[in-house]
Amino acid sequence: MSLGKTFNITERHTLRFQWDTYNITNAVRFDVGTISNYLFYSATLGEYSQTLTHPRIMQFGLRYSF
């Protein structure tokens, strides 16, 4: 998701502010290749050790055009 706003400073100069967000819902996808299924009596049976997705990331940008 991205939001941006452009401000006109003069006729030929502009300033753009932009906000980008990746993985906006912060959804998690687990890596099924890392599921622990060693022993049936283990306390870690069925636990995932890694995810496929990254956490929510936000970045801000400022661009001056002339």
PDB file of N, CA and C in Angstrom:
ATOM      1  N   MET A   1       0.846  -1.149   0.000  1.00  0.00           N
ATOM      2  CA  MET A   1       0.000   0.000   0.000  1.00  0.00           C
ATOM      3  C   MET A   1       0.899   1.221   0.000  1.00  0.00           C
ATOM      4  N   SER A   2       0.462   2.248  -0.695  1.00  0.00           N
ATOM      5  CA  SER A   2       1.275   3.439  -0.814  1.00  0.00           C
ATOM      6  C   SER A   2       0.383   4.675  -0.789  1.00  0.00           C
ATOM      7  N   LEU A   3       0.847   5.695  -0.100  1.00  0.00           N
ATOM      8  CA  LEU A   3       0.174   6.992  -0.071  1.00  0.00           C
ATOM      9  C   LEU A   3       1.191   8.062  -0.425  1.00  0.00           C
ATOM     10  N   GLY A   4       0.758   9.062  -1.171  1.00  0.00           N
ATOM     11  CA  GLY A   4       1.677  10.120  -1.549  1.00  0.00           C
ATOM     12  C   GLY A   4       0.966  11.444  -1.689  1.00  0.00           C
ATOM     13  N   LYS A   5       1.726  12.518  -1.500  1.00  0.00           N
ATOM     14  CA  LYS A   5       1.201  13.865  -1.640  1.00  0.00           C
ATOM     15  C   LYS A   5       2.279  14.714  -2.291  1.00  0.00           C
ATOM     16  N   THR A   6       1.894  15.468  -3.332  1.00  0.00           N
ATOM     17  CA  THR A   6       2.811  16.349  -4.033  1.00  0.00           C
ATOM     18  C   THR A   6       2.486  17.796  -3.686  1.00  0.00           C
ATOM     19  N   PHE A   7       3.517  18.528  -3.285  1.00  0.00           N
ATOM     20  CA  PHE A   7       3.382  19.947  -2.961  1.00  0.00           C
ATOM     21  C   PHE A   7       4.119  20.757  -4.020  1.00  0.00           C
ATOM     22  N   ASN A   8       3.441  21.735  -4.605  1.00  0.00           N
ATOM     23  CA  ASN A   8       4.062  22.633  -5.570  1.00  0.00           C
ATOM     24  C   ASN A   8       4.687  23.800  -4.816  1.00  0.00           C
ATOM     25  N   ILE A   9       6.002  23.934  -4.907  1.00  0.00           N
ATOM     26  CA  ILE A   9       6.704  25.021  -4.229  1.00  0.00           C
ATOM     27  C   ILE A   9       6.680  26.256  -5.120  1.00  0.00           C
ATOM     28  N   THR A  10       7.134  26.099  -6.333  1.00  0.00           N
ATOM     29  CA  THR A  10       7.030  27.142  -7.357  1.00  0.00           C
ATOM     30  C   THR A  10       6.485  26.476  -8.601  1.00  0.00           C
ATOM     31  N   GLU A  11       6.511  27.205  -9.709  1.00  0.00           N
ATOM     32  CA  GLU A  11       5.963  26.650 -10.943  1.00  0.00           C
ATOM     33  C   GLU A  11       6.733  25.423 -11.422  1.00  0.00           C
ATOM     34  N   ARG A  12       8.053  25.409 -11.200  1.00  0.00           N
ATOM     35  CA  ARG A  12       8.872  24.307 -11.706  1.00  0.00           C
ATOM     36  C   ARG A  12       9.487  23.454 -10.601  1.00  0.00           C
ATOM     37  N   HIS A  13       9.215  23.755  -9.354  1.00  0.00           N
ATOM     38  CA  HIS A  13       9.778  22.995  -8.240  1.00  0.00           C
ATOM     39  C   HIS A  13       8.646  22.306  -7.467  1.00  0.00           C
ATOM     40  N   THR A  14       8.811  21.006  -7.241  1.00  0.00           N
ATOM     41  CA  THR A  14       7.801  20.246  -6.492  1.00  0.00           C
ATOM     42  C   THR A  14       8.491  19.413  -5.415  1.00  0.00           C
ATOM     43  N   LEU A  15       7.734  19.117  -4.389  1.00  0.00           N
ATOM     44  CA  LEU A  15       8.197  18.274  -3.294  1.00  0.00           C
ATOM     45  C   LEU A  15       7.157  17.179  -3.111  1.00  0.00           C
ATOM     46  N   ARG A  16       7.594  15.921  -3.171  1.00  0.00           N
ATOM     47  CA  ARG A  16       6.681  14.789  -3.045  1.00  0.00           C
ATOM     48  C   ARG A  16       7.026  13.988  -1.803  1.00  0.00           C
ATOM     49  N   PHE A  17       6.030  13.766  -0.967  1.00  0.00           N
ATOM     50  CA  PHE A  17       6.155  12.925   0.221  1.00  0.00           C
ATOM     51  C   PHE A  17       5.425  11.627  -0.056  1.00  0.00           C
ATOM     52  N   GLN A  18       6.064  10.494   0.219  1.00  0.00           N
ATOM     53  CA  GLN A  18       5.460   9.195  -0.058  1.00  0.00           C
ATOM     54  C   GLN A  18       5.684   8.252   1.113  1.00  0.00           C
ATOM     55  N   TRP A  19       4.650   7.456   1.405  1.00  0.00           N
ATOM     56  CA  TRP A  19       4.687   6.469   2.491  1.00  0.00           C
ATOM     57  C   TRP A  19       4.296   5.136   1.895  1.00  0.00           C
ATOM     58  N   ASP A  20       5.190   4.152   1.957  1.00  0.00           N
ATOM     59  CA  ASP A  20       4.959   2.816   1.420  1.00  0.00           C
ATOM     60  C   ASP A  20       4.933   1.822   2.571  1.00  0.00           C
ATOM     61  N   THR A  21       4.006   0.870   2.493  1.00  0.00           N
ATOM     62  CA  THR A  21       3.897  -0.180   3.501  1.00  0.00           C
ATOM     63  C   THR A  21       3.810  -1.527   2.794  1.00  0.00           C
ATOM     64  N   TYR A  22       4.655  -2.453   3.229  1.00  0.00           N
ATOM     65  CA  TYR A  22       4.661  -3.807   2.690  1.00  0.00           C
ATOM     66  C   TYR A  22       4.130  -4.761   3.753  1.00  0.00           C
ATOM     67  N   ASN A  23       3.345  -5.740   3.339  1.00  0.00           N
ATOM     68  CA  ASN A  23       2.681  -6.688   4.245  1.00  0.00           C
ATOM     69  C   ASN A  23       1.816  -5.917   5.246  1.00  0.00           C
ATOM     70  N   ILE A  24       0.904  -5.140   4.723  1.00  0.00           N
ATOM     71  CA  ILE A  24       0.072  -4.238   5.525  1.00  0.00           C
ATOM     72  C   ILE A  24      -0.740  -4.980   6.578  1.00  0.00           C
ATOM     73  N   THR A  25      -1.175  -6.184   6.295  1.00  0.00           N
ATOM     74  CA  THR A  25      -1.979  -6.936   7.258  1.00  0.00           C
ATOM     75  C   THR A  25      -1.123  -7.701   8.260  1.00  0.00           C
ATOM     76  N   ASN A  26       0.197  -7.695   8.040  1.00  0.00           N
ATOM     77  CA  ASN A  26       1.142  -8.408   8.899  1.00  0.00           C
ATOM     78  C   ASN A  26       0.794  -9.900   8.984  1.00  0.00           C
ATOM     79  N   ALA A  27       0.369 -10.462   7.848  1.00  0.00           N
ATOM     80  CA  ALA A  27       0.008 -11.876   7.775  1.00  0.00           C
ATOM     81  C   ALA A  27       1.264 -12.753   7.816  1.00  0.00           C
ATOM     82  N   VAL A  28       1.142 -13.903   8.424  1.00  0.00           N
ATOM     83  CA  VAL A  28       2.274 -14.817   8.572  1.00  0.00           C
ATOM     84  C   VAL A  28       1.997 -16.087   7.771  1.00  0.00           C
ATOM     85  N   ARG A  29       2.977 -16.502   6.960  1.00  0.00           N
ATOM     86  CA  ARG A  29       2.922 -17.786   6.262  1.00  0.00           C
ATOM     87  C   ARG A  29       4.095 -18.614   6.770  1.00  0.00           C
ATOM     88  N   PHE A  30       3.800 -19.776   7.300  1.00  0.00           N
ATOM     89  CA  PHE A  30       4.835 -20.626   7.867  1.00  0.00           C
ATOM     90  C   PHE A  30       5.439 -21.530   6.810  1.00  0.00           C
ATOM     91  N   ASP A  31       6.704 -21.843   6.951  1.00  0.00           N
ATOM     92  CA  ASP A  31       7.429 -22.722   6.043  1.00  0.00           C
ATOM     93  C   ASP A  31       7.171 -24.169   6.463  1.00  0.00           C
ATOM     94  N   VAL A  32       6.424 -24.905   5.646  1.00  0.00           N
ATOM     95  CA  VAL A  32       6.055 -26.273   6.013  1.00  0.00           C
ATOM     96  C   VAL A  32       7.249 -27.224   5.989  1.00  0.00           C
ATOM     97  N   GLY A  33       8.339 -26.813   5.380  1.00  0.00           N
ATOM     98  CA  GLY A  33       9.544 -27.641   5.371  1.00  0.00           C
ATOM     99  C   GLY A  33      10.290 -27.638   6.695  1.00  0.00           C
ATOM    100  N   THR A  34       9.924 -26.731   7.592  1.00  0.00           N
ATOM    101  CA  THR A  34      10.626 -26.631   8.873  1.00  0.00           C
ATOM    102  C   THR A  34       9.786 -27.135  10.035  1.00  0.00           C
ATOM    103  N   ILE A  35       8.729 -27.872   9.762  1.00  0.00           N
ATOM    104  CA  ILE A  35       7.890 -28.395  10.846  1.00  0.00           C
ATOM    105  C   ILE A  35       8.643 -29.521  11.555  1.00  0.00           C
ATOM    106  N   SER A  36       8.550 -29.522  12.869  1.00  0.00           N
ATOM    107  CA  SER A  36       9.252 -30.569  13.630  1.00  0.00           C
ATOM    108  C   SER A  36       8.325 -31.769  13.802  1.00  0.00           C
ATOM    109  N   ASN A  37       8.762 -32.885  13.315  1.00  0.00           N
ATOM    110  CA  ASN A  37       7.997 -34.131  13.449  1.00  0.00           C
ATOM    111  C   ASN A  37       8.934 -35.270  13.818  1.00  0.00           C
ATOM    112  N   TYR A  38       9.873 -34.971  14.715  1.00  0.00           N
ATOM    113  CA  TYR A  38      10.889 -35.959  15.076  1.00  0.00           C
ATOM    114  C   TYR A  38      10.308 -37.119  15.867  1.00  0.00           C
ATOM    115  N   LEU A  39       9.745 -36.804  17.010  1.00  0.00           N
ATOM    116  CA  LEU A  39       9.230 -37.853  17.884  1.00  0.00           C
ATOM    117  C   LEU A  39       7.788 -37.528  18.260  1.00  0.00           C
ATOM    118  N   PHE A  40       6.997 -38.538  18.397  1.00  0.00           N
ATOM    119  CA  PHE A  40       5.591 -38.314  18.730  1.00  0.00           C
ATOM    120  C   PHE A  40       5.401 -37.864  20.177  1.00  0.00           C
ATOM    121  N   TYR A  41       6.349 -38.140  21.039  1.00  0.00           N
ATOM    122  CA  TYR A  41       6.226 -37.743  22.439  1.00  0.00           C
ATOM    123  C   TYR A  41       7.033 -36.468  22.739  1.00  0.00           C
ATOM    124  N   SER A  42       7.542 -35.772  21.713  1.00  0.00           N
ATOM    125  CA  SER A  42       8.328 -34.567  21.905  1.00  0.00           C
ATOM    126  C   SER A  42       7.420 -33.374  22.195  1.00  0.00           C
ATOM    127  N   ALA A  43       7.923 -32.421  22.970  1.00  0.00           N
ATOM    128  CA  ALA A  43       7.159 -31.210  23.289  1.00  0.00           C
ATOM    129  C   ALA A  43       7.105 -30.256  22.111  1.00  0.00           C
ATOM    130  N   THR A  44       7.970 -30.419  21.123  1.00  0.00           N
ATOM    131  CA  THR A  44       7.997 -29.523  19.967  1.00  0.00           C
ATOM    132  C   THR A  44       7.354 -30.151  18.734  1.00  0.00           C
ATOM    133  N   LEU A  45       6.575 -31.157  18.897  1.00  0.00           N
ATOM    134  CA  LEU A  45       5.930 -31.815  17.767  1.00  0.00           C
ATOM    135  C   LEU A  45       4.962 -30.855  17.084  1.00  0.00           C
ATOM    136  N   GLY A  46       5.151 -30.639  15.796  1.00  0.00           N
ATOM    137  CA  GLY A  46       4.255 -29.800  15.014  1.00  0.00           C
ATOM    138  C   GLY A  46       4.556 -28.313  15.074  1.00  0.00           C
ATOM    139  N   GLU A  47       5.679 -27.918  15.640  1.00  0.00           N
ATOM    140  CA  GLU A  47       6.049 -26.502  15.696  1.00  0.00           C
ATOM    141  C   GLU A  47       6.852 -26.117  14.459  1.00  0.00           C
ATOM    142  N   TYR A  48       6.570 -24.921  13.942  1.00  0.00           N
ATOM    143  CA  TYR A  48       7.324 -24.385  12.817  1.00  0.00           C
ATOM    144  C   TYR A  48       8.495 -23.569  13.352  1.00  0.00           C
ATOM    145  N   SER A  49       9.630 -23.606  12.650  1.00  0.00           N
ATOM    146  CA  SER A  49      10.788 -22.847  13.113  1.00  0.00           C
ATOM    147  C   SER A  49      11.094 -21.646  12.227  1.00  0.00           C
ATOM    148  N   GLN A  50      10.462 -21.523  11.045  1.00  0.00           N
ATOM    149  CA  GLN A  50      10.716 -20.395  10.153  1.00  0.00           C
ATOM    150  C   GLN A  50       9.430 -19.974   9.459  1.00  0.00           C
ATOM    151  N   THR A  51       9.434 -18.731   8.976  1.00  0.00           N
ATOM    152  CA  THR A  51       8.308 -18.219   8.200  1.00  0.00           C
ATOM    153  C   THR A  51       8.765 -17.894   6.784  1.00  0.00           C
ATOM    154  N   LEU A  52       7.813 -17.809   5.879  1.00  0.00           N
ATOM    155  CA  LEU A  52       8.112 -17.460   4.487  1.00  0.00           C
ATOM    156  C   LEU A  52       7.956 -15.968   4.232  1.00  0.00           C
ATOM    157  N   THR A  53       7.218 -15.281   5.072  1.00  0.00           N
ATOM    158  CA  THR A  53       6.948 -13.862   4.858  1.00  0.00           C
ATOM    159  C   THR A  53       7.793 -13.000   5.785  1.00  0.00           C
ATOM    160  N   HIS A  54       7.902 -11.750   5.421  1.00  0.00           N
ATOM    161  CA  HIS A  54       8.605 -10.764   6.232  1.00  0.00           C
ATOM    162  C   HIS A  54       7.588 -10.012   7.088  1.00  0.00           C
ATOM    163  N   PRO A  55       8.015  -9.439   8.197  1.00  0.00           N
ATOM    164  CA  PRO A  55       7.081  -8.641   9.001  1.00  0.00           C
ATOM    165  C   PRO A  55       6.716  -7.351   8.273  1.00  0.00           C
ATOM    166  N   ARG A  56       5.778  -6.620   8.834  1.00  0.00           N
ATOM    167  CA  ARG A  56       5.344  -5.359   8.234  1.00  0.00           C
ATOM    168  C   ARG A  56       6.523  -4.396   8.145  1.00  0.00           C
ATOM    169  N   ILE A  57       6.698  -3.828   6.957  1.00  0.00           N
ATOM    170  CA  ILE A  57       7.797  -2.897   6.711  1.00  0.00           C
ATOM    171  C   ILE A  57       7.205  -1.601   6.181  1.00  0.00           C
ATOM    172  N   MET A  58       7.638  -0.472   6.744  1.00  0.00           N
ATOM    173  CA  MET A  58       7.194   0.838   6.283  1.00  0.00           C
ATOM    174  C   MET A  58       8.408   1.658   5.880  1.00  0.00           C
ATOM    175  N   GLN A  59       8.228   2.455   4.835  1.00  0.00           N
ATOM    176  CA  GLN A  59       9.292   3.369   4.433  1.00  0.00           C
ATOM    177  C   GLN A  59       8.692   4.704   4.005  1.00  0.00           C
ATOM    178  N   PHE A  60       9.423   5.755   4.281  1.00  0.00           N
ATOM    179  CA  PHE A  60       9.004   7.091   3.930  1.00  0.00           C
ATOM    180  C   PHE A  60       9.980   7.665   2.921  1.00  0.00           C
ATOM    181  N   GLY A  61       9.465   8.449   1.994  1.00  0.00           N
ATOM    182  CA  GLY A  61      10.323   9.053   0.987  1.00  0.00           C
ATOM    183  C   GLY A  61       9.977  10.503   0.776  1.00  0.00           C
ATOM    184  N   LEU A  62      10.988  11.279   0.446  1.00  0.00           N
ATOM    185  CA  LEU A  62      10.828  12.695   0.148  1.00  0.00           C
ATOM    186  C   LEU A  62      11.609  12.979  -1.112  1.00  0.00           C
ATOM    187  N   ARG A  63      10.926  13.527  -2.129  1.00  0.00           N
ATOM    188  CA  ARG A  63      11.571  13.762  -3.427  1.00  0.00           C
ATOM    189  C   ARG A  63      11.387  15.211  -3.820  1.00  0.00           C
ATOM    190  N   TYR A  64      12.494  15.823  -4.131  1.00  0.00           N
ATOM    191  CA  TYR A  64      12.478  17.212  -4.568  1.00  0.00           C
ATOM    192  C   TYR A  64      12.798  17.235  -6.064  1.00  0.00           C
ATOM    193  N   SER A  65      11.889  17.755  -6.858  1.00  0.00           N
ATOM    194  CA  SER A  65      12.073  17.813  -8.325  1.00  0.00           C
ATOM    195  C   SER A  65      12.206  19.262  -8.777  1.00  0.00           C
ATOM    196  N   PHE A  66      13.153  19.498  -9.674  1.00  0.00           N
ATOM    197  CA  PHE A  66      13.323  20.850 -10.210  1.00  0.00           C
ATOM    198  C   PHE A  66      13.637  20.793 -11.674  1.00  0.00           C
TER     199      PHE A  66
END
